[in-house]
Amino acid sequence: MAIGPASETSGNSPRRRFRPGRTGRVLLIVGVAVLVVIAGLGLSAYLAAQEPTLTIVTYESLFGGCGSANLTALADDFGAAHDVHVAIDCYSGTLSSLLISNEGGSGIDLVVGLDEITAPQADAAGVLVPYTPPEVANESPALQAEIAPDHSVTPYEYGYLAIDYTPAFSELTDGAVRDLTLQDFAGNSTWSRDLLIEDPTTDITGEEFLLSEIAFYQGVLHQNWTTFWRSVDPTVQVSDSWSDAYSAFTTPPDSPPMLVSYSTDPAAAAGSGYPPFNSTLYHWNGTRYAWQTIYGVGIVKGTRHLALDEAFEDYLLSGPVQSEIPTNEWVYPANQTVELPGSFVWAANPAGAVDLNSMIPAGSIPADLPGWLDQWQTIYDQVGG
């Protein structure tokens, strides 16, 4: 790969029939037409036109997004190896909603970018085809269990939700922010006022933070999760999207000192020239807790290229592609045999953290999430700042 660092017709019409004696003439005409096409376009162009097309839908930023050199190289490398044209569509909406609304009838073969929230939704709707690539043997079994236990979606990258914070805020708190707890925000309006979150009804990062908070309060503290929001909503800052929130956090001088984001953000900042900052997981009673953000690839039901779909999953999990993920996606590759770049020493260390995802089984998310979002919205409407 050459990737750099870093969307006869059916119906009531009658069938046409050949009259006796015309079949040979029609075949001759077709043969002449094909020769004319080949002569006019050139043999290589004609053969390229006969290649099957593998249609993949993904999120807007995968490897730089549609049209980027890196994503183009990803598609071209696979296409050349398998004699197929790879068409990638970068979709701005929720991938699970796209698949469910189309029910596989839109000609989509593969989806890249279903996560630990949207994968269970698509799986429950029955729009995916299970497949287990051989490279899954090099992945953590927990990743698979927390995105799709039935292998309808295969993880290709993952990260951890975290709280980013500025060096100035760390100094102001005498380093206490390094060991923050969610209760710090609930019990201290000064801290909650300095925190920028994403709206869970409009943004995936906001949804992940909501689920991580529910998992922590119900699974660790054994308390009602809504008490946290009733405490912080009067003062916490809310953004419609992660991109807007991250831009605000990294743009001084009026940037908020804390942001709900991802543990590898400091590594991305170190590799991209942003002002340095740090990130931390949740803490409680000497233990760290983390919510894993997992992204996977799935085969769409109704595909006409099943063998190619499976080959692309194998390709996406292969060492050469996986080695490009850290500095293009700024998350961890699912393939654990891949070496991480040096900049990842700046990421918040997740080693030994208790897995919060296991406290909300993937299969329960499609049924429970709509009600949780409604509850969050009701509380925010009542007491939000």
Protein backbone atom coordinates (compact mmCIF):
# COMPACT_ATOMS: atom_id res chain seq x y z
CA MET A 1 0.00 0.00 0.00
CA ALA A 2 1.03 3.56 -0.62
CA ILE A 3 -0.82 5.32 2.15
CA GLY A 4 0.68 8.28 3.98
CA PRO A 5 0.27 9.25 7.65
CA ALA A 6 -2.22 11.44 9.01
CA SER A 7 -19.64 8.15 1.38
CA GLU A 8 -34.20 -7.01 -19.18
CA THR A 9 -36.03 -4.65 -16.62
CA SER A 10 -38.77 -6.09 -14.43
CA GLY A 11 -42.33 -4.84 -14.31
CA ASN A 12 -45.36 -5.19 -16.53
CA SER A 13 -43.58 -4.64 -19.87
CA PRO A 14 -43.84 -7.71 -22.17
CA ARG A 15 -40.68 -9.68 -22.92
CA ARG A 16 -39.25 -9.24 -26.41
CA ARG A 17 -38.92 -12.47 -28.37
CA PHE A 18 -36.59 -13.31 -31.28
CA ARG A 19 -38.28 -14.58 -34.40
CA PRO A 20 -36.91 -17.86 -35.83
CA GLY A 21 -33.80 -17.30 -37.93
CA ARG A 22 -32.83 -13.94 -36.33
CA THR A 23 -30.70 -15.19 -33.46
CA GLY A 24 -27.52 -15.67 -35.52
CA ARG A 25 -27.86 -12.24 -37.07
CA VAL A 26 -28.28 -10.58 -33.70
CA LEU A 27 -25.19 -12.34 -32.33
CA LEU A 28 -23.19 -11.18 -35.34
CA ILE A 29 -24.30 -7.61 -34.83
CA VAL A 30 -23.43 -7.78 -31.14
CA GLY A 31 -20.01 -9.23 -31.95
CA VAL A 32 -19.27 -6.44 -34.43
CA ALA A 33 -20.40 -3.86 -31.87
CA VAL A 34 -18.04 -5.28 -29.27
CA LEU A 35 -15.12 -5.11 -31.71
CA VAL A 36 -15.99 -1.50 -32.49
CA VAL A 37 -16.06 -0.67 -28.77
CA ILE A 38 -12.71 -2.32 -28.22
CA ALA A 39 -11.18 -0.54 -31.19
CA GLY A 40 -12.56 2.82 -30.09
CA LEU A 41 -11.74 2.66 -26.39
CA GLY A 42 -8.67 0.48 -26.40
CA LEU A 43 -8.41 -3.04 -25.04
CA SER A 44 -7.37 -2.05 -21.52
CA ALA A 45 -10.19 0.45 -21.14
CA TYR A 46 -12.71 -2.07 -22.42
CA LEU A 47 -11.54 -4.78 -20.05
CA ALA A 48 -11.60 -2.32 -17.15
CA ALA A 49 -15.20 -1.53 -18.00
CA GLN A 50 -16.07 -5.22 -17.60
CA GLU A 51 -14.72 -5.41 -14.03
CA PRO A 52 -17.26 -5.92 -11.28
CA THR A 53 -17.82 -3.00 -8.93
CA LEU A 54 -17.54 -3.44 -5.17
CA THR A 55 -19.62 -0.73 -3.51
CA ILE A 56 -18.56 0.30 0.01
CA VAL A 57 -20.22 2.91 2.20
CA THR A 58 -18.33 4.49 5.09
CA TYR A 59 -18.10 7.61 7.26
CA GLU A 60 -16.76 10.89 5.94
CA SER A 61 -13.33 10.82 7.56
CA LEU A 62 -12.09 7.26 6.94
CA PHE A 63 -8.41 7.56 5.92
CA GLY A 64 -8.97 11.22 5.08
CA GLY A 65 -12.34 10.78 3.39
CA CYS A 66 -13.55 10.22 -0.16
CA GLY A 67 -11.24 11.77 -2.72
CA SER A 68 -8.24 11.73 -0.39
CA ALA A 69 -5.01 10.14 -1.58
CA ASN A 70 -4.95 7.69 1.32
CA LEU A 71 -8.47 6.32 0.88
CA THR A 72 -7.97 6.17 -2.89
CA ALA A 73 -4.78 4.16 -2.39
CA LEU A 74 -6.64 1.80 -0.05
CA ALA A 75 -9.30 1.14 -2.71
CA ASP A 76 -6.90 0.95 -5.66
CA ASP A 77 -4.58 -1.51 -3.94
CA PHE A 78 -7.42 -3.95 -3.28
CA GLY A 79 -8.94 -3.38 -6.71
CA ALA A 80 -5.70 -4.14 -8.53
CA ALA A 81 -5.16 -7.32 -6.54
CA HIS A 82 -8.68 -8.64 -7.21
CA ASP A 83 -9.55 -7.22 -10.64
CA VAL A 84 -12.43 -5.22 -9.27
CA HIS A 85 -13.43 -1.58 -9.26
CA VAL A 86 -13.90 -0.36 -5.68
CA ALA A 87 -16.44 2.46 -5.32
CA ILE A 88 -16.40 4.11 -1.89
CA ASP A 89 -19.24 6.39 -0.81
CA CYS A 90 -18.61 8.60 2.24
CA TYR A 91 -21.94 9.02 4.02
CA SER A 92 -22.64 11.96 6.33
CA GLY A 93 -25.46 10.34 8.29
CA THR A 94 -25.73 7.32 10.57
CA LEU A 95 -24.59 4.20 8.73
CA SER A 96 -27.00 1.90 10.53
CA SER A 97 -29.94 4.10 9.55
CA LEU A 98 -28.82 4.04 5.92
CA LEU A 99 -28.64 0.25 5.86
CA ILE A 100 -31.91 -0.27 7.70
CA SER A 101 -33.85 2.16 5.52
CA ASN A 102 -32.51 0.56 2.33
CA GLU A 103 -32.71 -3.00 3.65
CA GLY A 104 -29.74 -3.94 1.50
CA GLY A 105 -31.52 -2.99 -1.70
CA SER A 106 -29.36 -0.03 -2.65
CA GLY A 107 -26.52 -2.04 -4.16
CA ILE A 108 -24.22 -1.64 -1.15
CA ASP A 109 -21.83 -4.57 -0.70
CA LEU A 110 -19.89 -3.56 2.41
CA VAL A 111 -20.15 -1.05 5.24
CA VAL A 112 -17.02 0.22 6.98
CA GLY A 113 -17.48 2.16 10.21
CA LEU A 114 -20.33 0.63 12.17
CA ASP A 115 -19.45 1.10 15.84
CA GLU A 116 -20.33 -0.40 19.20
CA ILE A 117 -23.66 1.46 19.13
CA THR A 118 -24.71 1.31 15.47
CA ALA A 119 -23.48 -2.24 14.78
CA PRO A 120 -25.98 -3.82 17.21
CA GLN A 121 -28.74 -1.70 15.63
CA ALA A 122 -27.90 -2.93 12.11
CA ASP A 123 -27.48 -6.49 13.36
CA ALA A 124 -30.86 -6.46 15.08
CA ALA A 125 -32.46 -5.29 11.83
CA GLY A 126 -31.04 -8.31 9.99
CA VAL A 127 -29.26 -6.34 7.26
CA LEU A 128 -25.81 -7.92 7.69
CA VAL A 129 -24.16 -11.21 6.72
CA PRO A 130 -21.90 -12.86 9.35
CA TYR A 131 -18.31 -13.62 8.41
CA THR A 132 -15.22 -14.52 10.47
CA PRO A 133 -11.93 -13.47 8.82
CA PRO A 134 -8.84 -15.53 9.72
CA GLU A 135 -7.11 -12.42 11.13
CA VAL A 136 -9.67 -12.32 13.95
CA ALA A 137 -7.26 -14.70 15.69
CA ASN A 138 -4.97 -11.67 16.20
CA GLU A 139 -7.69 -9.55 17.83
CA SER A 140 -8.98 -9.31 21.37
CA PRO A 141 -12.09 -11.51 21.76
CA ALA A 142 -13.63 -8.72 23.86
CA LEU A 143 -13.70 -6.39 20.85
CA GLN A 144 -15.75 -8.88 18.85
CA ALA A 145 -18.08 -9.62 21.76
CA GLU A 146 -18.78 -5.93 22.34
CA ILE A 147 -19.60 -5.00 18.75
CA ALA A 148 -21.17 -8.16 17.26
CA PRO A 149 -20.96 -11.53 19.06
CA ASP A 150 -22.38 -13.23 15.95
CA HIS A 151 -19.56 -11.84 13.73
CA SER A 152 -21.93 -9.82 11.56
CA VAL A 153 -19.43 -6.97 12.06
CA THR A 154 -15.68 -7.45 12.43
CA PRO A 155 -13.59 -4.92 14.40
CA TYR A 156 -10.79 -3.22 12.48
CA GLU A 157 -9.90 -0.42 14.93
CA TYR A 158 -10.74 0.76 18.44
CA GLY A 159 -10.05 3.46 21.00
CA TYR A 160 -11.13 4.66 24.43
CA LEU A 161 -13.42 7.44 25.51
CA ALA A 162 -11.61 9.89 27.78
CA ILE A 163 -11.52 13.42 29.15
CA ASP A 164 -8.97 15.71 27.48
CA TYR A 165 -7.60 18.49 29.67
CA THR A 166 -5.16 21.37 29.29
CA PRO A 167 -1.84 21.69 31.15
CA ALA A 168 -3.13 24.91 32.71
CA PHE A 169 -6.13 23.10 34.22
CA SER A 170 -3.87 20.35 35.53
CA GLU A 171 -1.74 22.97 37.26
CA LEU A 172 -4.82 24.74 38.60
CA THR A 173 -6.05 21.48 40.19
CA ASP A 174 -2.58 20.47 41.45
CA GLY A 175 -2.76 17.44 39.18
CA ALA A 176 -6.06 16.18 40.60
CA VAL A 177 -7.60 16.08 37.11
CA ARG A 178 -5.29 13.18 36.24
CA ASP A 179 -7.35 10.98 38.60
CA LEU A 180 -10.78 12.51 37.98
CA THR A 181 -14.01 10.68 38.67
CA LEU A 182 -17.42 11.33 37.16
CA GLN A 183 -18.51 12.26 40.67
CA ASP A 184 -16.07 15.18 40.54
CA PHE A 185 -18.30 16.76 37.91
CA ALA A 186 -21.51 15.88 39.70
CA GLY A 187 -20.30 17.30 43.01
CA ASN A 188 -18.36 20.35 41.82
CA SER A 189 -20.05 22.95 39.64
CA THR A 190 -16.67 24.57 38.92
CA TRP A 191 -15.47 21.38 37.26
CA SER A 192 -18.71 20.72 35.40
CA ARG A 193 -18.74 24.33 34.12
CA ASP A 194 -15.30 23.76 32.62
CA LEU A 195 -16.33 20.55 30.81
CA LEU A 196 -17.46 20.52 27.17
CA ILE A 197 -19.55 17.51 26.11
CA GLU A 198 -21.32 16.49 22.91
CA ASP A 199 -25.11 16.26 22.68
CA PRO A 200 -25.95 12.53 22.74
CA THR A 201 -29.04 13.11 20.60
CA THR A 202 -26.97 14.54 17.71
CA ASP A 203 -23.46 13.08 18.05
CA ILE A 204 -21.94 9.61 18.40
CA THR A 205 -19.31 10.76 20.94
CA GLY A 206 -22.14 12.18 23.03
CA GLU A 207 -23.93 8.83 22.84
CA GLU A 208 -20.77 7.02 23.89
CA PHE A 209 -20.32 9.34 26.87
CA LEU A 210 -23.94 8.79 27.89
CA LEU A 211 -23.55 5.01 27.71
CA SER A 212 -20.24 5.10 29.59
CA GLU A 213 -21.85 7.17 32.35
CA ILE A 214 -24.84 4.80 32.55
CA ALA A 215 -22.51 1.79 32.70
CA PHE A 216 -20.39 3.39 35.45
CA TYR A 217 -23.26 4.58 37.63
CA GLN A 218 -25.34 1.41 37.29
CA GLY A 219 -22.58 -1.19 37.04
CA VAL A 220 -19.97 0.25 39.41
CA LEU A 221 -21.70 2.64 41.80
CA HIS A 222 -25.08 0.83 41.68
CA GLN A 223 -26.84 4.17 41.57
CA ASN A 224 -29.47 5.76 39.33
CA TRP A 225 -27.62 7.15 36.31
CA THR A 226 -29.92 10.17 35.98
CA THR A 227 -28.63 11.75 39.20
CA PHE A 228 -25.37 12.59 37.42
CA TRP A 229 -27.15 14.56 34.70
CA ARG A 230 -29.41 16.41 37.09
CA SER A 231 -26.26 17.60 38.85
CA VAL A 232 -24.15 18.61 35.84
CA ASP A 233 -26.72 19.80 33.28
CA PRO A 234 -27.25 23.26 34.83
CA THR A 235 -23.59 24.16 34.16
CA VAL A 236 -21.98 21.78 31.65
CA GLN A 237 -21.24 23.08 28.13
CA VAL A 238 -22.90 21.15 25.27
CA SER A 239 -21.84 21.03 21.62
CA ASP A 240 -23.84 19.61 18.70
CA SER A 241 -20.87 17.68 17.31
CA TRP A 242 -17.48 16.29 18.27
CA SER A 243 -15.74 18.21 15.48
CA ASP A 244 -17.10 21.53 16.73
CA ALA A 245 -16.22 20.60 20.31
CA TYR A 246 -12.66 19.53 19.43
CA SER A 247 -12.13 22.70 17.43
CA ALA A 248 -13.26 24.79 20.40
CA PHE A 249 -11.00 22.85 22.78
CA THR A 250 -7.90 23.26 20.59
CA THR A 251 -8.48 26.93 19.67
CA PRO A 252 -7.27 29.37 22.37
CA PRO A 253 -7.68 31.74 24.06
CA ASP A 254 -11.29 30.99 25.10
CA SER A 255 -11.10 27.22 24.83
CA PRO A 256 -12.74 25.11 27.56
CA PRO A 257 -10.16 23.34 29.75
CA MET A 258 -11.82 19.90 29.52
CA LEU A 259 -13.45 17.96 26.68
CA VAL A 260 -15.18 14.59 26.34
CA SER A 261 -13.16 12.96 23.57
CA TYR A 262 -10.67 10.10 23.11
CA SER A 263 -7.59 8.82 24.89
CA THR A 264 -5.39 9.02 21.79
CA ASP A 265 -6.06 12.72 21.19
CA PRO A 266 -2.73 13.76 22.77
CA ALA A 267 -0.94 11.41 20.35
CA ALA A 268 -2.80 12.96 17.41
CA ALA A 269 -1.94 16.43 18.69
CA ALA A 270 1.73 15.50 19.01
CA GLY A 271 1.71 14.22 15.44
CA SER A 272 -0.28 17.13 14.00
CA GLY A 273 1.28 20.22 15.55
CA TYR A 274 -1.54 21.13 17.98
CA PRO A 275 -0.67 22.64 21.37
CA PRO A 276 0.08 19.78 23.79
CA PHE A 277 -2.57 18.53 26.19
CA ASN A 278 -3.34 15.39 28.17
CA SER A 279 -6.15 12.89 28.52
CA THR A 280 -7.46 10.69 31.31
CA LEU A 281 -9.82 7.78 31.84
CA TYR A 282 -12.38 7.55 34.67
CA HIS A 283 -11.10 6.71 38.17
CA TRP A 284 -12.76 5.41 41.32
CA ASN A 285 -11.32 3.88 44.50
CA GLY A 286 -7.90 3.33 42.95
CA THR A 287 -9.29 1.67 39.80
CA ARG A 288 -9.52 3.03 36.25
CA TYR A 289 -12.55 2.49 34.03
CA ALA A 290 -12.82 2.86 30.27
CA TRP A 291 -15.46 2.72 27.55
CA GLN A 292 -14.12 1.21 24.32
CA THR A 293 -15.07 2.81 21.02
CA ILE A 294 -14.97 0.04 18.43
CA TYR A 295 -15.29 0.35 14.64
CA GLY A 296 -16.04 -2.58 12.37
CA VAL A 297 -16.65 -3.74 8.82
CA GLY A 298 -19.70 -5.72 7.76
CA ILE A 299 -21.11 -7.42 4.68
CA VAL A 300 -24.51 -6.08 3.63
CA LYS A 301 -27.32 -8.53 3.06
CA GLY A 302 -28.21 -8.72 -0.63
CA THR A 303 -24.63 -8.25 -1.86
CA ARG A 304 -23.82 -9.75 -5.24
CA HIS A 305 -20.10 -10.12 -4.49
CA LEU A 306 -19.86 -12.22 -1.35
CA ALA A 307 -16.41 -13.68 -2.11
CA LEU A 308 -15.01 -10.20 -2.80
CA ASP A 309 -16.66 -8.86 0.36
CA GLU A 310 -14.94 -11.50 2.44
CA ALA A 311 -11.64 -10.81 0.68
CA PHE A 312 -11.96 -7.09 1.50
CA GLU A 313 -12.56 -7.85 5.18
CA ASP A 314 -9.42 -10.02 5.13
CA TYR A 315 -7.56 -7.16 3.44
CA LEU A 316 -8.72 -4.54 5.95
CA LEU A 317 -7.49 -6.71 8.82
CA SER A 318 -4.16 -7.53 7.20
CA GLY A 319 -0.90 -6.24 8.63
CA PRO A 320 -0.12 -3.69 5.87
CA VAL A 321 -3.51 -1.96 6.17
CA GLN A 322 -3.67 -2.22 9.94
CA SER A 323 -0.24 -0.61 10.26
CA GLU A 324 -1.64 2.51 8.58
CA ILE A 325 -4.49 2.94 11.07
CA PRO A 326 -2.63 4.57 14.00
CA THR A 327 -1.42 7.63 12.06
CA ASN A 328 -4.43 7.90 9.74
CA GLU A 329 -7.29 7.18 12.13
CA TRP A 330 -5.38 7.99 15.37
CA VAL A 331 -6.80 4.97 17.16
CA TYR A 332 -5.53 1.46 17.86
CA PRO A 333 -5.49 -1.20 15.12
CA ALA A 334 -7.60 -4.23 15.96
CA ASN A 335 -4.75 -6.49 14.86
CA GLN A 336 -2.63 -6.78 18.01
CA THR A 337 0.49 -7.83 16.09
CA VAL A 338 0.87 -4.32 14.63
CA GLU A 339 3.50 -2.07 16.22
CA LEU A 340 2.34 1.35 17.41
CA PRO A 341 4.15 4.57 16.46
CA GLY A 342 6.20 6.42 19.07
CA SER A 343 3.67 9.26 19.36
CA PHE A 344 1.24 6.89 21.10
CA VAL A 345 3.24 7.26 24.32
CA TRP A 346 1.24 10.49 24.75
CA ALA A 347 -2.09 8.64 24.80
CA ALA A 348 -3.77 7.91 28.11
CA ASN A 349 -2.62 4.44 29.10
CA PRO A 350 -5.60 2.03 29.06
CA ALA A 351 -3.69 -0.95 30.46
CA GLY A 352 -5.56 -2.55 33.35
CA ALA A 353 -8.68 -0.40 33.01
CA VAL A 354 -12.00 -2.08 33.80
CA ASP A 355 -14.12 -2.53 30.69
CA LEU A 356 -17.38 -0.55 30.96
CA ASN A 357 -18.78 -1.93 27.68
CA SER A 358 -19.30 -5.34 29.27
CA MET A 359 -21.78 -3.74 31.68
CA ILE A 360 -24.14 -2.92 28.79
CA PRO A 361 -24.36 -5.98 26.51
CA ALA A 362 -24.31 -5.07 22.81
CA GLY A 363 -27.61 -6.86 22.20
CA SER A 364 -29.47 -4.62 24.66
CA ILE A 365 -28.43 -1.32 23.07
CA PRO A 366 -30.99 -1.19 20.21
CA ALA A 367 -33.90 -1.57 22.64
CA ASP A 368 -32.58 0.56 25.53
CA LEU A 369 -30.82 3.48 23.81
CA PRO A 370 -33.94 5.33 22.54
CA GLY A 371 -35.40 5.46 26.05
CA TRP A 372 -32.10 6.61 27.57
CA LEU A 373 -31.84 9.40 25.01
CA ASP A 374 -35.39 10.50 25.77
CA GLN A 375 -34.60 10.57 29.48
CA TRP A 376 -31.45 12.59 28.88
CA GLN A 377 -33.36 15.09 26.74
CA THR A 378 -36.10 15.46 29.33
CA ILE A 379 -33.58 16.18 32.10
CA TYR A 380 -31.65 18.62 29.94
CA ASP A 381 -34.82 20.47 28.99
CA GLN A 382 -35.72 20.76 32.67
CA VAL A 383 -32.41 21.80 34.20
CA GLY A 384 -29.98 22.40 31.30
CA GLY A 385 -27.82 25.49 31.32
